[in-house]
Amino acid sequence: MALNLAQTVLGYLKVRPDEKLTARQIAEWIFATFPEECQAKKQSSQYVSTDAQLVQQLVAEISSQRPRLQKRHPELKTTEGRPRKYYFSEKSDIAEVAAAE
């Protein structure tokens, strides 16, 4: 079974509303939760040979999919600073700002 990274990230954040996580934290959770899919991804890649490289690859893929994911799912939000933190919120952007103040 292939791992659908976008759905996995969105599902993980959906069950943890308002919890802010970095792409690395999400990638490490994916690596721990889906070991077979991750090993299959590592085997099929010619550039990834270690677990650390695989986690870094997952971080890069999560980060690169962010703009597309946010267009499709406006409830997926990120913080501005580095490292970006991803979170799921049903609140509008205006409500988010009001809650922060």
C-alpha atoms as a PDB file:
ATOM      1  CA  MET A   1       0.000   0.000   0.000  1.00  0.00           C
ATOM      2  CA  ALA A   2       1.432   3.350  -1.009  1.00  0.00           C
ATOM      3  CA  LEU A   3       1.401   6.177   1.471  1.00  0.00           C
ATOM      4  CA  ASN A   4      -0.721   9.189   0.494  1.00  0.00           C
ATOM      5  CA  LEU A   5       1.273  11.876   2.259  1.00  0.00           C
ATOM      6  CA  ALA A   6      -1.237  14.712   1.824  1.00  0.00           C
ATOM      7  CA  GLN A   7      -4.159  12.714   3.240  1.00  0.00           C
ATOM      8  CA  THR A   8      -2.010  11.338   6.051  1.00  0.00           C
ATOM      9  CA  VAL A   9      -0.810  14.787   7.129  1.00  0.00           C
ATOM     10  CA  LEU A  10      -4.295  16.267   6.950  1.00  0.00           C
ATOM     11  CA  GLY A  11      -5.812  13.339   8.875  1.00  0.00           C
ATOM     12  CA  TYR A  12      -3.146  13.539  11.573  1.00  0.00           C
ATOM     13  CA  LEU A  13      -3.659  17.268  12.099  1.00  0.00           C
ATOM     14  CA  LYS A  14      -7.459  16.918  11.972  1.00  0.00           C
ATOM     15  CA  VAL A  15      -7.493  14.651  15.039  1.00  0.00           C
ATOM     16  CA  ARG A  16      -5.261  17.173  16.855  1.00  0.00           C
ATOM     17  CA  PRO A  17      -7.054  20.497  16.249  1.00  0.00           C
ATOM     18  CA  ASP A  18      -5.086  23.608  17.196  1.00  0.00           C
ATOM     19  CA  GLU A  19      -1.963  21.564  18.076  1.00  0.00           C
ATOM     20  CA  LYS A  20       0.948  23.167  16.220  1.00  0.00           C
ATOM     21  CA  LEU A  21       3.519  20.733  14.814  1.00  0.00           C
ATOM     22  CA  THR A  22       6.568  21.177  12.590  1.00  0.00           C
ATOM     23  CA  ALA A  23       6.984  19.231   9.354  1.00  0.00           C
ATOM     24  CA  ARG A  24       9.762  17.245  11.089  1.00  0.00           C
ATOM     25  CA  GLN A  25       7.455  16.228  13.950  1.00  0.00           C
ATOM     26  CA  ILE A  26       4.826  15.114  11.446  1.00  0.00           C
ATOM     27  CA  ALA A  27       7.439  13.233   9.378  1.00  0.00           C
ATOM     28  CA  GLU A  28       8.754  11.445  12.476  1.00  0.00           C
ATOM     29  CA  TRP A  29       5.197  10.424  13.393  1.00  0.00           C
ATOM     30  CA  ILE A  30       4.633   9.095   9.849  1.00  0.00           C
ATOM     31  CA  PHE A  31       7.922   7.167  10.027  1.00  0.00           C
ATOM     32  CA  ALA A  32       6.917   5.590  13.369  1.00  0.00           C
ATOM     33  CA  THR A  33       3.294   4.899  12.403  1.00  0.00           C
ATOM     34  CA  PHE A  34       3.761   3.570   8.867  1.00  0.00           C
ATOM     35  CA  PRO A  35       7.026   1.570   8.974  1.00  0.00           C
ATOM     36  CA  GLU A  36       6.189  -0.744   6.052  1.00  0.00           C
ATOM     37  CA  GLU A  37       5.221   2.088   3.705  1.00  0.00           C
ATOM     38  CA  CYS A  38       8.322   4.054   4.723  1.00  0.00           C
ATOM     39  CA  GLN A  39      10.626   1.084   4.120  1.00  0.00           C
ATOM     40  CA  ALA A  40       9.007   0.529   0.716  1.00  0.00           C
ATOM     41  CA  LYS A  41       9.600   4.211  -0.107  1.00  0.00           C
ATOM     42  CA  LYS A  42      13.239   3.877   0.980  1.00  0.00           C
ATOM     43  CA  GLN A  43      13.712   0.726  -1.132  1.00  0.00           C
ATOM     44  CA  SER A  44      12.247   2.350  -4.244  1.00  0.00           C
ATOM     45  CA  SER A  45      14.390   5.488  -3.954  1.00  0.00           C
ATOM     46  CA  GLN A  46      17.838   5.678  -5.458  1.00  0.00           C
ATOM     47  CA  TYR A  47      18.783   8.702  -3.319  1.00  0.00           C
ATOM     48  CA  VAL A  48      17.511   7.671   0.115  1.00  0.00           C
ATOM     49  CA  SER A  49      19.501   4.953   1.848  1.00  0.00           C
ATOM     50  CA  THR A  50      19.136   5.642   5.593  1.00  0.00           C
ATOM     51  CA  ASP A  51      16.204   6.232   7.921  1.00  0.00           C
ATOM     52  CA  ALA A  52      17.455   9.762   8.677  1.00  0.00           C
ATOM     53  CA  GLN A  53      17.503  10.575   4.952  1.00  0.00           C
ATOM     54  CA  LEU A  54      13.984   9.171   4.620  1.00  0.00           C
ATOM     55  CA  VAL A  55      12.665  11.368   7.439  1.00  0.00           C
ATOM     56  CA  GLN A  56      14.350  14.383   5.816  1.00  0.00           C
ATOM     57  CA  GLN A  57      12.729  13.443   2.481  1.00  0.00           C
ATOM     58  CA  LEU A  58       9.314  13.277   4.177  1.00  0.00           C
ATOM     59  CA  VAL A  59       9.923  16.719   5.733  1.00  0.00           C
ATOM     60  CA  ALA A  60      10.775  18.128   2.291  1.00  0.00           C
ATOM     61  CA  GLU A  61       7.684  16.563   0.702  1.00  0.00           C
ATOM     62  CA  ILE A  62       5.368  17.851   3.451  1.00  0.00           C
ATOM     63  CA  SER A  63       6.819  21.349   3.046  1.00  0.00           C
ATOM     64  CA  SER A  64       6.569  21.290  -0.738  1.00  0.00           C
ATOM     65  CA  GLN A  65       2.914  20.184  -0.646  1.00  0.00           C
ATOM     66  CA  ARG A  66       1.891  22.935   1.786  1.00  0.00           C
ATOM     67  CA  PRO A  67       0.652  25.547  -0.757  1.00  0.00           C
ATOM     68  CA  ARG A  68      -1.440  22.996  -2.678  1.00  0.00           C
ATOM     69  CA  LEU A  69      -2.840  21.500   0.521  1.00  0.00           C
ATOM     70  CA  GLN A  70      -3.792  24.909   1.891  1.00  0.00           C
ATOM     71  CA  LYS A  71      -5.644  25.790  -1.332  1.00  0.00           C
ATOM     72  CA  ARG A  72      -7.650  22.572  -1.168  1.00  0.00           C
ATOM     73  CA  HIS A  73      -8.144  22.618   2.614  1.00  0.00           C
ATOM     74  CA  PRO A  74      -8.353  26.169   3.994  1.00  0.00           C
ATOM     75  CA  GLU A  75      -8.647  24.774   7.518  1.00  0.00           C
ATOM     76  CA  LEU A  76      -4.999  23.660   7.273  1.00  0.00           C
ATOM     77  CA  LYS A  77      -2.992  26.578   8.610  1.00  0.00           C
ATOM     78  CA  THR A  78       0.664  27.357   9.213  1.00  0.00           C
ATOM     79  CA  THR A  79       2.572  29.828  11.348  1.00  0.00           C
ATOM     80  CA  GLU A  80       4.720  32.487   9.691  1.00  0.00           C
ATOM     81  CA  GLY A  81       8.134  32.031  11.352  1.00  0.00           C
ATOM     82  CA  ARG A  82      10.711  29.321  10.796  1.00  0.00           C
ATOM     83  CA  PRO A  83      10.294  26.494  11.317  1.00  0.00           C
ATOM     84  CA  ARG A  84       6.717  26.621  10.078  1.00  0.00           C
ATOM     85  CA  LYS A  85       4.213  24.917  12.321  1.00  0.00           C
ATOM     86  CA  TYR A  86       1.230  23.189  10.789  1.00  0.00           C
ATOM     87  CA  TYR A  87      -2.153  22.948  12.480  1.00  0.00           C
ATOM     88  CA  PHE A  88      -5.817  22.310  11.738  1.00  0.00           C
ATOM     89  CA  SER A  89      -8.405  24.906  12.682  1.00  0.00           C
ATOM     90  CA  GLU A  90     -12.026  25.435  11.710  1.00  0.00           C
ATOM     91  CA  LYS A  91     -11.778  29.133  12.717  1.00  0.00           C
ATOM     92  CA  SER A  92     -11.495  31.822  10.075  1.00  0.00           C
ATOM     93  CA  ASP A  93      -8.294  33.857   9.813  1.00  0.00           C
ATOM     94  CA  ILE A  94     -10.024  36.816  11.488  1.00  0.00           C
ATOM     95  CA  ALA A  95     -11.152  34.626  14.389  1.00  0.00           C
ATOM     96  CA  GLU A  96      -7.602  33.238  14.700  1.00  0.00           C
ATOM     97  CA  VAL A  97      -6.178  36.764  15.075  1.00  0.00           C
ATOM     98  CA  ALA A  98      -8.870  37.740  17.576  1.00  0.00           C
ATOM     99  CA  ALA A  99      -8.173  34.623  19.654  1.00  0.00           C
ATOM    100  CA  ALA A 100      -4.430  35.350  19.646  1.00  0.00           C
ATOM    101  CA  GLU A 101      -4.984  38.872  20.946  1.00  0.00           C
END
